[in-house]
C-alpha cells in the first residue's frame, strides 16, 4: 500500500491520466476518424497529453481549492 501522505499526488496522477485519456481519444477521433491505427495514435496522443496534464493538475489543484473555498459557503 501507498502511504496516505501521497494521496494528493496519487489522486492527481490518476485523475490526470483518466481525463487526458478521454480527451485525447475524443480529439484523435475528431481529427482523424476511426482510421486503421486509431488505438495506437490515441495512445501516443494520450501519453503526450498526460505529460502536460499531470504537472498541470499538481499546480492548479491548490489554486482551484482556494478559489472554490472563496466562492462557497461552509455547510451549516
Protein backbone atom coordinates (compact mmCIF):
# COMPACT_ATOMS: atom_id res chain seq x y z
CA UNK A 1 0.00 0.00 0.00
CA UNK A 2 1.00 3.59 -0.60
CA UNK A 3 1.27 5.85 2.48
CA UNK A 4 -1.63 8.28 2.98
CA UNK A 5 0.66 11.32 2.71
CA UNK A 6 0.96 10.62 -1.02
CA UNK A 7 -2.83 10.65 -1.55
CA UNK A 8 -3.00 14.13 -3.19
CA UNK A 9 -0.26 13.27 -5.70
CA UNK A 10 -1.77 9.85 -6.41
CA UNK A 11 -5.19 11.46 -6.87
CA UNK A 12 -3.71 13.94 -9.37
CA UNK A 13 -1.84 11.16 -11.15
CA UNK A 14 -4.96 9.02 -11.61
CA UNK A 15 -7.29 11.94 -12.39
CA UNK A 16 -4.94 13.46 -14.97
CA UNK A 17 -4.37 10.06 -16.54
CA UNK A 18 -8.05 9.29 -16.96
CA UNK A 19 -9.05 12.77 -18.08
CA UNK A 20 -6.22 13.04 -20.62
CA UNK A 21 -7.08 9.55 -21.91
CA UNK A 22 -10.68 10.59 -22.56
CA UNK A 23 -9.81 13.98 -24.07
CA UNK A 24 -7.03 12.55 -26.27
CA UNK A 25 -9.41 9.86 -27.51
CA UNK A 26 -12.09 12.36 -28.45
CA UNK A 27 -9.58 14.74 -30.07
CA UNK A 28 -7.95 11.91 -32.04
CA UNK A 29 -11.33 10.62 -33.22
CA UNK A 30 -12.48 14.12 -34.23
CA UNK A 31 -9.23 14.86 -36.08
CA UNK A 32 -8.73 11.54 -37.85
CA UNK A 33 -11.90 9.50 -37.59
CA UNK A 34 -11.74 5.78 -36.92
CA UNK A 35 -8.63 5.06 -39.02
CA UNK A 36 -6.86 1.69 -39.03
CA UNK A 37 -4.28 2.62 -36.39
CA UNK A 38 -6.69 4.65 -34.25
CA UNK A 39 -5.77 2.99 -30.94
CA UNK A 40 -2.04 3.44 -31.49
CA UNK A 41 -2.45 7.09 -32.46
CA UNK A 42 -4.76 7.65 -29.49
CA UNK A 43 -2.23 6.17 -27.07
CA UNK A 44 0.57 8.33 -28.46
CA UNK A 45 -1.64 11.42 -28.11
CA UNK A 46 -2.62 10.34 -24.59
CA UNK A 47 0.98 9.95 -23.36
CA UNK A 48 1.86 13.39 -24.73
CA UNK A 49 -1.23 14.91 -23.12
CA UNK A 50 -0.55 13.20 -19.78
CA UNK A 51 2.98 14.61 -19.70
CA UNK A 52 1.37 18.06 -19.59
CA UNK A 53 -1.78 17.20 -17.62
CA UNK A 54 -0.15 15.64 -14.54
CA UNK A 55 2.12 18.56 -13.63
CA UNK A 56 -0.69 20.97 -14.51
CA UNK A 57 -3.05 19.24 -12.07
CA UNK A 58 -0.46 19.40 -9.30
CA UNK A 59 -0.04 23.14 -9.86
CA UNK A 60 -3.67 24.06 -10.50
CA UNK A 61 -5.38 21.91 -7.81
CA UNK A 62 -4.35 24.06 -4.80
CA UNK A 63 -5.36 27.24 -6.63
CA UNK A 64 -8.71 25.69 -7.52
CA UNK A 65 -9.32 24.56 -3.91
CA UNK A 66 -8.72 28.11 -2.65
CA UNK A 67 -10.98 29.59 -5.32
CA UNK A 68 -13.79 27.15 -4.51
CA UNK A 69 -13.42 27.89 -0.80
CA UNK A 70 -13.81 31.61 -1.51
CA UNK A 71 -16.96 31.28 -3.62
CA UNK A 72 -18.82 28.73 -1.50
CA UNK A 73 -20.32 28.84 1.97
CA UNK A 74 -19.39 26.39 4.71
CA UNK A 75 -22.05 23.77 5.43
CA UNK A 76 -24.26 24.57 8.43
